[in-house]
Amino acid sequence: MELLENNKILIVDDEKDIANSLKVILEGQSQIKQSLSKKAKILFDDLSSKEDSISSKMIPSCVYSGEEAIEKVKELKENGDTFALLIIDIKMPGMNGVEATKIIRSIDPKVEVIFITAYNEFTVFEINEIIGSNISYITKPFKGEEVVSIANKSIAEWNSKNDMIKMADDISKYQ
């Protein structure tokens, strides 16, 4: 049974420059990681074939409002697919990131979430009360490495949980 990784990320920020910069950072990190995996394979011939899938090519896409994010998640879900990670600004005109995430989590409860904000209008406790668990929080300004690190961790957690759910489903079919 081969389990495929989900590396799709939805970035939501009304500041297009920030959203697009995050996309470039995450895409660039994936390219560096893949290049290093290829070089490691040349140096170390004992790498398993599983290493190819571990090189986790992030697939980020951007939208610029909470409403657009909800539509994008619905659209992907209707096509039988999901995002592993939502990176979303809290303070946006119209629907804020917390409100949008609450709706997105009703559509896809498994999506991991990273909130980004320059303001501390919500505490982590308040966000957990509204949204639930599996969230991270980064304040602006942030370092690209910080976002990449948390994104990698969140995607790995999503895939690990999803793999366990699929295996449990497969086991229950044979009982």
N, C-alpha and C. Protein backbone atom coordinates (compact mmCIF):
# COMPACT_ATOMS: atom_id res chain seq x y z
N MET A 1 0.84 -1.17 0.00
CA MET A 1 0.00 0.00 0.00
C MET A 1 0.90 1.25 0.00
N GLU A 2 0.82 2.03 -1.05
CA GLU A 2 1.62 3.24 -1.14
C GLU A 2 0.79 4.44 -0.70
N LEU A 3 1.34 5.18 0.23
CA LEU A 3 0.67 6.36 0.73
C LEU A 3 1.33 7.59 0.10
N LEU A 4 0.53 8.41 -0.53
CA LEU A 4 1.05 9.59 -1.19
C LEU A 4 1.03 10.78 -0.24
N GLU A 5 2.08 11.58 -0.28
CA GLU A 5 2.15 12.77 0.55
C GLU A 5 1.28 13.89 -0.01
N ASN A 6 0.69 14.65 0.89
CA ASN A 6 0.00 15.87 0.52
C ASN A 6 0.89 17.02 0.94
N ASN A 7 1.36 17.79 -0.02
CA ASN A 7 2.26 18.91 0.25
C ASN A 7 1.65 20.24 -0.19
N LYS A 8 0.32 20.25 -0.33
CA LYS A 8 -0.36 21.46 -0.79
C LYS A 8 -0.57 22.44 0.36
N ILE A 9 -0.19 23.70 0.10
CA ILE A 9 -0.28 24.76 1.09
C ILE A 9 -1.12 25.89 0.50
N LEU A 10 -2.06 26.39 1.28
CA LEU A 10 -2.81 27.57 0.88
C LEU A 10 -2.35 28.74 1.74
N ILE A 11 -1.83 29.77 1.08
CA ILE A 11 -1.36 30.99 1.75
C ILE A 11 -2.42 32.06 1.57
N VAL A 12 -2.84 32.69 2.68
CA VAL A 12 -3.90 33.69 2.63
C VAL A 12 -3.42 34.96 3.34
N ASP A 13 -3.28 36.03 2.58
CA ASP A 13 -2.89 37.32 3.16
C ASP A 13 -3.38 38.40 2.22
N ASP A 14 -4.02 39.43 2.79
CA ASP A 14 -4.51 40.53 1.96
C ASP A 14 -3.35 41.36 1.39
N GLU A 15 -2.19 41.27 2.00
CA GLU A 15 -1.00 41.94 1.47
C GLU A 15 -0.35 41.00 0.46
N LYS A 16 -0.60 41.27 -0.82
CA LYS A 16 -0.16 40.38 -1.89
C LYS A 16 1.35 40.15 -1.87
N ASP A 17 2.12 41.19 -1.54
CA ASP A 17 3.57 41.03 -1.50
C ASP A 17 3.99 39.99 -0.47
N ILE A 18 3.34 40.00 0.67
CA ILE A 18 3.67 39.03 1.72
C ILE A 18 3.28 37.63 1.29
N ALA A 19 2.06 37.47 0.77
CA ALA A 19 1.60 36.15 0.32
C ALA A 19 2.53 35.60 -0.76
N ASN A 20 2.85 36.43 -1.74
CA ASN A 20 3.70 35.98 -2.84
C ASN A 20 5.12 35.69 -2.38
N SER A 21 5.62 36.46 -1.41
CA SER A 21 6.96 36.20 -0.86
C SER A 21 6.99 34.87 -0.13
N LEU A 22 5.94 34.59 0.65
CA LEU A 22 5.85 33.29 1.33
C LEU A 22 5.85 32.15 0.32
N LYS A 23 5.13 32.33 -0.76
CA LYS A 23 5.08 31.30 -1.81
C LYS A 23 6.47 31.05 -2.38
N VAL A 24 7.19 32.12 -2.69
CA VAL A 24 8.54 32.00 -3.24
C VAL A 24 9.47 31.31 -2.24
N ILE A 25 9.38 31.69 -0.97
CA ILE A 25 10.21 31.08 0.07
C ILE A 25 9.95 29.58 0.15
N LEU A 26 8.68 29.18 0.17
CA LEU A 26 8.33 27.77 0.31
C LEU A 26 8.69 26.98 -0.95
N GLU A 27 8.47 27.55 -2.13
CA GLU A 27 8.86 26.88 -3.37
C GLU A 27 10.38 26.73 -3.44
N GLY A 28 11.08 27.79 -3.08
CA GLY A 28 12.54 27.76 -3.12
C GLY A 28 13.10 26.73 -2.17
N GLN A 29 12.53 26.63 -0.98
CA GLN A 29 12.99 25.65 0.00
C GLN A 29 12.80 24.24 -0.53
N SER A 30 11.71 24.00 -1.22
CA SER A 30 11.46 22.67 -1.79
C SER A 30 12.52 22.33 -2.83
N GLN A 31 12.87 23.30 -3.66
CA GLN A 31 13.88 23.05 -4.69
C GLN A 31 15.24 22.77 -4.06
N ILE A 32 15.60 23.50 -3.01
CA ILE A 32 16.87 23.25 -2.32
C ILE A 32 16.86 21.86 -1.71
N LYS A 33 15.75 21.51 -1.05
CA LYS A 33 15.64 20.21 -0.39
C LYS A 33 15.75 19.07 -1.39
N GLN A 34 15.11 19.21 -2.56
CA GLN A 34 15.19 18.17 -3.58
C GLN A 34 16.60 18.05 -4.12
N SER A 35 17.26 19.16 -4.33
CA SER A 35 18.63 19.15 -4.83
C SER A 35 19.55 18.45 -3.84
N LEU A 36 19.38 18.75 -2.55
CA LEU A 36 20.19 18.11 -1.53
C LEU A 36 19.91 16.61 -1.46
N SER A 37 18.65 16.21 -1.63
CA SER A 37 18.32 14.78 -1.60
C SER A 37 19.01 14.05 -2.74
N LYS A 38 19.04 14.65 -3.92
CA LYS A 38 19.71 14.03 -5.06
C LYS A 38 21.20 13.89 -4.79
N LYS A 39 21.81 14.94 -4.22
CA LYS A 39 23.24 14.89 -3.93
C LYS A 39 23.53 13.87 -2.84
N ALA A 40 22.66 13.79 -1.84
CA ALA A 40 22.85 12.81 -0.77
C ALA A 40 22.77 11.39 -1.32
N LYS A 41 21.88 11.19 -2.28
CA LYS A 41 21.73 9.86 -2.89
C LYS A 41 23.01 9.44 -3.60
N ILE A 42 23.67 10.42 -4.23
CA ILE A 42 24.94 10.13 -4.90
C ILE A 42 26.01 9.78 -3.88
N LEU A 43 26.04 10.51 -2.77
CA LEU A 43 27.05 10.28 -1.73
C LEU A 43 26.79 9.01 -0.92
N PHE A 44 25.52 8.77 -0.63
CA PHE A 44 25.16 7.64 0.23
C PHE A 44 24.27 6.69 -0.53
N ASP A 45 24.85 5.57 -0.99
CA ASP A 45 24.08 4.66 -1.83
C ASP A 45 23.10 3.80 -1.04
N ASP A 46 23.08 3.92 0.29
CA ASP A 46 22.18 3.09 1.09
C ASP A 46 20.86 3.79 1.43
N LEU A 47 20.59 4.94 0.81
CA LEU A 47 19.31 5.60 1.05
C LEU A 47 18.18 4.76 0.49
N SER A 48 17.13 4.64 1.26
CA SER A 48 15.99 3.83 0.79
C SER A 48 15.21 4.57 -0.28
N SER A 49 14.38 3.86 -1.01
CA SER A 49 13.56 4.49 -2.05
C SER A 49 12.53 5.43 -1.42
N LYS A 50 12.26 5.23 -0.15
CA LYS A 50 11.33 6.11 0.57
C LYS A 50 11.88 7.53 0.64
N GLU A 51 13.20 7.68 0.58
CA GLU A 51 13.82 9.01 0.67
C GLU A 51 13.31 9.94 -0.42
N ASP A 52 12.97 9.41 -1.60
CA ASP A 52 12.46 10.25 -2.67
C ASP A 52 11.19 10.97 -2.25
N SER A 53 10.30 10.25 -1.54
CA SER A 53 9.06 10.88 -1.13
C SER A 53 9.26 11.84 0.04
N ILE A 54 10.32 11.64 0.81
CA ILE A 54 10.58 12.49 1.95
C ILE A 54 11.04 13.88 1.50
N SER A 55 11.51 14.00 0.27
CA SER A 55 12.02 15.30 -0.18
C SER A 55 10.90 16.32 -0.35
N SER A 56 9.70 15.97 -0.01
CA SER A 56 8.58 16.88 0.23
C SER A 56 8.61 18.17 -0.60
N LYS A 57 8.15 18.10 -1.80
CA LYS A 57 8.05 19.30 -2.63
C LYS A 57 6.80 20.04 -2.22
N MET A 58 6.99 21.19 -1.60
CA MET A 58 5.85 21.99 -1.18
C MET A 58 5.18 22.59 -2.40
N ILE A 59 3.86 22.60 -2.37
CA ILE A 59 3.06 23.13 -3.48
C ILE A 59 2.18 24.26 -2.93
N PRO A 60 2.76 25.46 -2.81
CA PRO A 60 1.97 26.57 -2.27
C PRO A 60 1.16 27.29 -3.34
N SER A 61 0.00 27.78 -2.94
CA SER A 61 -0.79 28.66 -3.79
C SER A 61 -1.31 29.80 -2.91
N CYS A 62 -1.62 30.92 -3.54
CA CYS A 62 -2.01 32.13 -2.79
C CYS A 62 -3.41 32.59 -3.14
N VAL A 63 -4.10 33.09 -2.13
CA VAL A 63 -5.31 33.88 -2.30
C VAL A 63 -5.18 35.06 -1.36
N TYR A 64 -6.05 36.07 -1.54
CA TYR A 64 -5.81 37.33 -0.86
C TYR A 64 -6.96 37.78 0.05
N SER A 65 -7.85 36.85 0.40
CA SER A 65 -8.93 37.17 1.35
C SER A 65 -9.45 35.88 1.97
N GLY A 66 -10.11 36.03 3.10
CA GLY A 66 -10.72 34.87 3.75
C GLY A 66 -11.78 34.22 2.88
N GLU A 67 -12.55 35.05 2.19
CA GLU A 67 -13.61 34.53 1.33
C GLU A 67 -13.03 33.70 0.19
N GLU A 68 -11.95 34.19 -0.42
CA GLU A 68 -11.28 33.43 -1.50
C GLU A 68 -10.73 32.11 -0.97
N ALA A 69 -10.20 32.14 0.25
CA ALA A 69 -9.64 30.92 0.84
C ALA A 69 -10.72 29.86 1.02
N ILE A 70 -11.87 30.26 1.51
CA ILE A 70 -12.99 29.33 1.70
C ILE A 70 -13.38 28.71 0.37
N GLU A 71 -13.50 29.53 -0.66
CA GLU A 71 -13.86 29.02 -2.00
C GLU A 71 -12.82 28.05 -2.53
N LYS A 72 -11.54 28.37 -2.33
CA LYS A 72 -10.45 27.51 -2.82
C LYS A 72 -10.48 26.15 -2.11
N VAL A 73 -10.72 26.16 -0.80
CA VAL A 73 -10.78 24.91 -0.03
C VAL A 73 -11.98 24.08 -0.47
N LYS A 74 -13.13 24.73 -0.66
CA LYS A 74 -14.34 24.03 -1.13
C LYS A 74 -14.09 23.40 -2.49
N GLU A 75 -13.51 24.17 -3.39
CA GLU A 75 -13.23 23.71 -4.75
C GLU A 75 -12.33 22.48 -4.74
N LEU A 76 -11.26 22.52 -3.95
CA LEU A 76 -10.34 21.39 -3.88
C LEU A 76 -11.04 20.17 -3.27
N LYS A 77 -11.81 20.40 -2.21
CA LYS A 77 -12.53 19.31 -1.53
C LYS A 77 -13.54 18.65 -2.47
N GLU A 78 -14.24 19.46 -3.27
CA GLU A 78 -15.20 18.92 -4.23
C GLU A 78 -14.53 18.04 -5.28
N ASN A 79 -13.25 18.29 -5.54
CA ASN A 79 -12.48 17.48 -6.49
C ASN A 79 -11.76 16.33 -5.79
N GLY A 80 -12.13 16.05 -4.54
CA GLY A 80 -11.58 14.91 -3.81
C GLY A 80 -10.16 15.13 -3.29
N ASP A 81 -9.77 16.37 -3.09
CA ASP A 81 -8.43 16.68 -2.64
C ASP A 81 -8.50 17.67 -1.48
N THR A 82 -7.37 17.88 -0.81
CA THR A 82 -7.34 18.82 0.31
C THR A 82 -5.98 19.51 0.39
N PHE A 83 -5.95 20.59 1.14
CA PHE A 83 -4.69 21.22 1.50
C PHE A 83 -4.21 20.57 2.79
N ALA A 84 -2.91 20.35 2.91
CA ALA A 84 -2.36 19.86 4.17
C ALA A 84 -2.19 21.01 5.15
N LEU A 85 -1.93 22.21 4.60
CA LEU A 85 -1.59 23.34 5.46
C LEU A 85 -2.23 24.64 4.96
N LEU A 86 -2.72 25.41 5.91
CA LEU A 86 -3.26 26.74 5.67
C LEU A 86 -2.38 27.72 6.43
N ILE A 87 -1.76 28.66 5.69
CA ILE A 87 -1.00 29.74 6.31
C ILE A 87 -1.83 30.99 6.09
N ILE A 88 -2.32 31.59 7.18
CA ILE A 88 -3.32 32.65 7.02
C ILE A 88 -3.06 33.82 7.97
N ASP A 89 -3.16 35.02 7.42
CA ASP A 89 -3.05 36.24 8.21
C ASP A 89 -4.32 36.39 9.04
N ILE A 90 -4.18 36.91 10.24
CA ILE A 90 -5.36 37.09 11.08
C ILE A 90 -6.12 38.37 10.70
N LYS A 91 -5.40 39.47 10.57
CA LYS A 91 -6.07 40.76 10.33
C LYS A 91 -6.14 41.03 8.83
N MET A 92 -7.36 40.92 8.30
CA MET A 92 -7.60 41.19 6.88
C MET A 92 -8.92 41.94 6.79
N PRO A 93 -9.09 42.75 5.74
CA PRO A 93 -10.38 43.43 5.56
C PRO A 93 -11.48 42.40 5.28
N GLY A 94 -12.68 42.74 5.64
CA GLY A 94 -13.78 41.78 5.45
C GLY A 94 -13.69 40.72 6.52
N MET A 95 -13.63 39.49 6.09
CA MET A 95 -13.55 38.36 7.01
C MET A 95 -12.12 38.20 7.51
N ASN A 96 -11.93 38.19 8.84
CA ASN A 96 -10.58 38.01 9.36
C ASN A 96 -10.15 36.54 9.26
N GLY A 97 -8.88 36.28 9.52
CA GLY A 97 -8.33 34.94 9.36
C GLY A 97 -8.91 33.91 10.32
N VAL A 98 -9.25 34.35 11.53
CA VAL A 98 -9.83 33.41 12.50
C VAL A 98 -11.23 32.98 12.04
N GLU A 99 -12.04 33.94 11.59
CA GLU A 99 -13.38 33.61 11.08
C GLU A 99 -13.29 32.69 9.87
N ALA A 100 -12.39 33.01 8.94
CA ALA A 100 -12.23 32.19 7.73
C ALA A 100 -11.77 30.79 8.09
N THR A 101 -10.84 30.69 9.04
CA THR A 101 -10.32 29.38 9.43
C THR A 101 -11.39 28.53 10.09
N LYS A 102 -12.26 29.16 10.88
CA LYS A 102 -13.35 28.41 11.51
C LYS A 102 -14.24 27.77 10.43
N ILE A 103 -14.54 28.51 9.38
CA ILE A 103 -15.35 27.96 8.28
C ILE A 103 -14.56 26.90 7.51
N ILE A 104 -13.28 27.17 7.25
CA ILE A 104 -12.45 26.21 6.52
C ILE A 104 -12.34 24.91 7.30
N ARG A 105 -12.18 25.00 8.63
CA ARG A 105 -12.10 23.78 9.45
C ARG A 105 -13.43 23.02 9.44
N SER A 106 -14.55 23.69 9.21
CA SER A 106 -15.83 22.97 9.10
C SER A 106 -15.90 22.21 7.78
N ILE A 107 -15.19 22.69 6.76
CA ILE A 107 -15.12 22.01 5.47
C ILE A 107 -14.08 20.90 5.51
N ASP A 108 -12.92 21.20 6.10
CA ASP A 108 -11.82 20.25 6.18
C ASP A 108 -11.19 20.31 7.57
N PRO A 109 -11.69 19.48 8.50
CA PRO A 109 -11.22 19.54 9.88
C PRO A 109 -9.76 19.12 10.07
N LYS A 110 -9.18 18.43 9.09
CA LYS A 110 -7.82 17.93 9.25
C LYS A 110 -6.73 18.94 8.88
N VAL A 111 -7.08 20.04 8.22
CA VAL A 111 -6.06 20.97 7.74
C VAL A 111 -5.27 21.56 8.91
N GLU A 112 -3.95 21.55 8.79
CA GLU A 112 -3.07 22.19 9.77
C GLU A 112 -3.11 23.69 9.50
N VAL A 113 -2.90 24.50 10.53
CA VAL A 113 -3.03 25.95 10.38
C VAL A 113 -1.84 26.67 11.02
N ILE A 114 -1.29 27.62 10.27
CA ILE A 114 -0.31 28.56 10.81
C ILE A 114 -0.91 29.96 10.65
N PHE A 115 -1.14 30.64 11.78
CA PHE A 115 -1.60 32.02 11.73
C PHE A 115 -0.39 32.94 11.69
N ILE A 116 -0.44 33.96 10.84
CA ILE A 116 0.59 34.98 10.83
C ILE A 116 -0.08 36.33 11.07
N THR A 117 0.55 37.16 11.89
CA THR A 117 -0.03 38.46 12.17
C THR A 117 0.99 39.42 12.75
N ALA A 118 0.75 40.68 12.55
CA ALA A 118 1.58 41.72 13.16
C ALA A 118 0.92 42.23 14.44
N TYR A 119 -0.30 41.78 14.69
CA TYR A 119 -1.07 42.26 15.83
C TYR A 119 -1.37 41.11 16.78
N ASN A 120 -1.51 41.42 18.04
CA ASN A 120 -1.85 40.39 19.03
C ASN A 120 -3.30 40.56 19.47
N GLU A 121 -4.22 40.57 18.50
CA GLU A 121 -5.62 40.78 18.85
C GLU A 121 -6.27 39.53 19.44
N PHE A 122 -5.68 38.36 19.19
CA PHE A 122 -6.16 37.11 19.77
C PHE A 122 -4.99 36.44 20.46
N THR A 123 -5.26 35.80 21.60
CA THR A 123 -4.22 34.97 22.22
C THR A 123 -4.31 33.58 21.60
N VAL A 124 -3.26 32.80 21.78
CA VAL A 124 -3.28 31.42 21.27
C VAL A 124 -4.42 30.66 21.92
N PHE A 125 -4.67 30.89 23.20
CA PHE A 125 -5.77 30.23 23.91
C PHE A 125 -7.11 30.57 23.25
N GLU A 126 -7.33 31.85 22.95
CA GLU A 126 -8.59 32.25 22.31
C GLU A 126 -8.76 31.59 20.94
N ILE A 127 -7.67 31.56 20.18
CA ILE A 127 -7.74 30.92 18.86
C ILE A 127 -8.04 29.43 19.00
N ASN A 128 -7.40 28.76 19.96
CA ASN A 128 -7.69 27.34 20.20
C ASN A 128 -9.15 27.12 20.58
N GLU A 129 -9.72 28.02 21.35
CA GLU A 129 -11.12 27.91 21.73
C GLU A 129 -12.04 28.04 20.52
N ILE A 130 -11.69 28.91 19.58
CA ILE A 130 -12.53 29.15 18.41
C ILE A 130 -12.31 28.10 17.33
N ILE A 131 -11.05 27.77 17.06
CA ILE A 131 -10.68 26.93 15.92
C ILE A 131 -10.48 25.48 16.30
N GLY A 132 -9.90 25.23 17.46
CA GLY A 132 -9.52 23.88 17.84
C GLY A 132 -8.01 23.75 17.83
N SER A 133 -7.53 22.53 17.88
CA SER A 133 -6.10 22.31 17.97
C SER A 133 -5.43 22.29 16.60
N ASN A 134 -4.16 21.88 16.59
CA ASN A 134 -3.35 21.80 15.37
C ASN A 134 -3.15 23.16 14.72
N ILE A 135 -2.81 24.15 15.53
CA ILE A 135 -2.50 25.47 14.98
C ILE A 135 -1.13 25.91 15.46
N SER A 136 -0.49 26.73 14.66
CA SER A 136 0.74 27.41 15.06
C SER A 136 0.52 28.90 14.85
N TYR A 137 1.40 29.71 15.42
CA TYR A 137 1.20 31.15 15.43
C TYR A 137 2.55 31.80 15.21
N ILE A 138 2.68 32.66 14.20
CA ILE A 138 3.91 33.39 13.94
C ILE A 138 3.58 34.88 13.86
N THR A 139 4.39 35.71 14.53
CA THR A 139 4.16 37.14 14.47
C THR A 139 5.10 37.78 13.44
N LYS A 140 4.56 38.79 12.75
CA LYS A 140 5.35 39.55 11.78
C LYS A 140 6.17 40.58 12.56
N PRO A 141 7.35 40.91 12.15
CA PRO A 141 8.07 40.30 11.03
C PRO A 141 8.61 38.93 11.44
N PHE A 142 8.72 38.05 10.48
CA PHE A 142 9.21 36.70 10.75
C PHE A 142 10.32 36.37 9.78
N LYS A 143 11.08 35.36 10.12
CA LYS A 143 12.17 34.91 9.26
C LYS A 143 11.66 33.81 8.36
N GLY A 144 12.14 33.80 7.12
CA GLY A 144 11.74 32.76 6.17
C GLY A 144 12.00 31.37 6.71
N GLU A 145 13.15 31.19 7.40
CA GLU A 145 13.49 29.86 7.94
C GLU A 145 12.46 29.40 8.97
N GLU A 146 11.93 30.37 9.73
CA GLU A 146 10.92 30.04 10.74
C GLU A 146 9.65 29.49 10.08
N VAL A 147 9.21 30.15 9.02
CA VAL A 147 8.02 29.71 8.30
C VAL A 147 8.26 28.33 7.66
N VAL A 148 9.42 28.17 7.04
CA VAL A 148 9.74 26.89 6.39
C VAL A 148 9.77 25.76 7.42
N SER A 149 10.38 26.01 8.55
CA SER A 149 10.47 25.00 9.59
C SER A 149 9.10 24.58 10.10
N ILE A 150 8.27 25.56 10.40
CA ILE A 150 6.93 25.25 10.91
C ILE A 150 6.07 24.62 9.81
N ALA A 151 6.22 25.07 8.56
CA ALA A 151 5.47 24.48 7.45
C ALA A 151 5.86 23.01 7.27
N ASN A 152 7.16 22.72 7.30
CA ASN A 152 7.61 21.33 7.18
C ASN A 152 7.04 20.46 8.29
N LYS A 153 7.08 20.98 9.51
CA LYS A 153 6.56 20.24 10.66
C LYS A 153 5.05 19.99 10.51
N SER A 154 4.32 21.01 10.10
CA SER A 154 2.87 20.90 9.95
C SER A 154 2.49 19.90 8.85
N ILE A 155 3.19 19.97 7.73
CA ILE A 155 2.91 19.04 6.63
C ILE A 155 3.24 17.61 7.04
N ALA A 156 4.35 17.43 7.74
CA ALA A 156 4.72 16.08 8.22
C ALA A 156 3.66 15.55 9.18
N GLU A 157 3.16 16.41 10.07
CA GLU A 157 2.11 15.98 11.01
C GLU A 157 0.84 15.61 10.26
N TRP A 158 0.43 16.43 9.28
CA TRP A 158 -0.78 16.14 8.51
C TRP A 158 -0.63 14.77 7.83
N ASN A 159 0.51 14.56 7.18
CA ASN A 159 0.71 13.30 6.46
C ASN A 159 0.78 12.11 7.40
N SER A 160 1.43 12.27 8.53
CA SER A 160 1.52 11.19 9.50
C SER A 160 0.13 10.79 10.02
N LYS A 161 -0.66 11.78 10.40
CA LYS A 161 -2.02 11.51 10.89
C LYS A 161 -2.87 10.86 9.79
N ASN A 162 -2.76 11.38 8.59
CA ASN A 162 -3.54 10.84 7.48
C ASN A 162 -3.14 9.40 7.16
N ASP A 163 -1.84 9.11 7.19
CA ASP A 163 -1.35 7.75 6.95
C ASP A 163 -1.90 6.79 8.00
N MET A 164 -1.92 7.22 9.26
CA MET A 164 -2.44 6.36 10.33
C MET A 164 -3.93 6.10 10.14
N ILE A 165 -4.67 7.12 9.74
CA ILE A 165 -6.11 6.96 9.51
C ILE A 165 -6.34 5.96 8.37
N LYS A 166 -5.58 6.11 7.28
CA LYS A 166 -5.72 5.19 6.14
C LYS A 166 -5.36 3.77 6.52
N MET A 167 -4.29 3.59 7.30
CA MET A 167 -3.90 2.25 7.73
C MET A 167 -4.95 1.63 8.63
N ALA A 168 -5.50 2.43 9.55
CA ALA A 168 -6.55 1.92 10.44
C ALA A 168 -7.78 1.51 9.63
N ASP A 169 -8.12 2.30 8.61
CA ASP A 169 -9.25 1.95 7.74
C ASP A 169 -8.98 0.64 7.00
N ASP A 170 -7.77 0.49 6.49
CA ASP A 170 -7.40 -0.74 5.78
C ASP A 170 -7.45 -1.96 6.71
N ILE A 171 -6.96 -1.80 7.93
CA ILE A 171 -6.98 -2.90 8.88
C ILE A 171 -8.42 -3.29 9.22
N SER A 172 -9.28 -2.29 9.41
CA SER A 172 -10.66 -2.59 9.78
C SER A 172 -11.41 -3.31 8.64
N LYS A 173 -11.00 -3.10 7.42
CA LYS A 173 -11.63 -3.80 6.28
C LYS A 173 -11.36 -5.29 6.31
N TYR A 174 -10.21 -5.67 6.87
CA TYR A 174 -9.81 -7.08 6.87
C TYR A 174 -10.18 -7.80 8.15
N GLN A 175 -10.86 -7.15 9.06
CA GLN A 175 -11.23 -7.81 10.31
C GLN A 175 -12.60 -8.43 10.22
